[in-house]
Amino acid sequence: MATHATKEWEQARRDTQLEAIEAARAFLESDVASPLLSLTTRRRRTVALLVSGVHVSVRLELFIADTTNATAGAIKLYFSKSGALPDERARYAGAILHRFVESLSPDASADYGSCFVVDVFARRLHLAPRTYRRRRQDIDAACSEIAPRGAGRFRHVNANQPQAKSDRHTSHHRPFNNR
């Protein structure tokens, strides 16, 4: 039998989910989202991004490509009611997203202008930074520090060893609704 606290928690969770849906709907109806409406989605098999011996899980919502498949990008949604995604944090997220798209699309050019981090509740659209080298170096340095300490908490791998099939996952996404 469910306790009163459990029922309150479940109701609060449902309310938050409904707020997220409404915030996403309002975002998509705003002018800020207009760059997203001309994009198409593509199915891609995804694996974790290997950075300095650490598997970085990049859970993008949509992998996108232009109509000629010459350029590729991705969309990552950020949900936080407690505050907007800080600009610098969004730039790092965009840099990781751009790097991940590069690893997924060897035949297409990963376009920083097509890598979006969407702060749903704040209704803000962040592009991956055009200048990303310093941020990638920072990310590499952080992963280099994590890798030796990660025994048991983080997955440390040898970059020279192939990834096991069980370490891979397939990402299936529904087409982005262009309304």
Foldseek 3Di string as FASTA:
>chain_A
DDDPVRVVVVVVVVVLVVVLVVLQVVLCVDPQNVVVLQWKFDWFWAFFDQALQFGHDDDFQTWTAHPVNQEIETEHEDEDPVDFDDQVNQQLNLLVRLVRNCVGRVRHHYDQQRYWYADRNVSHIDTHDPDRPVSSVVVNVVVNVCQVVCVPPTRGDDPPDDDDPVNTGTDDHDIDDSD
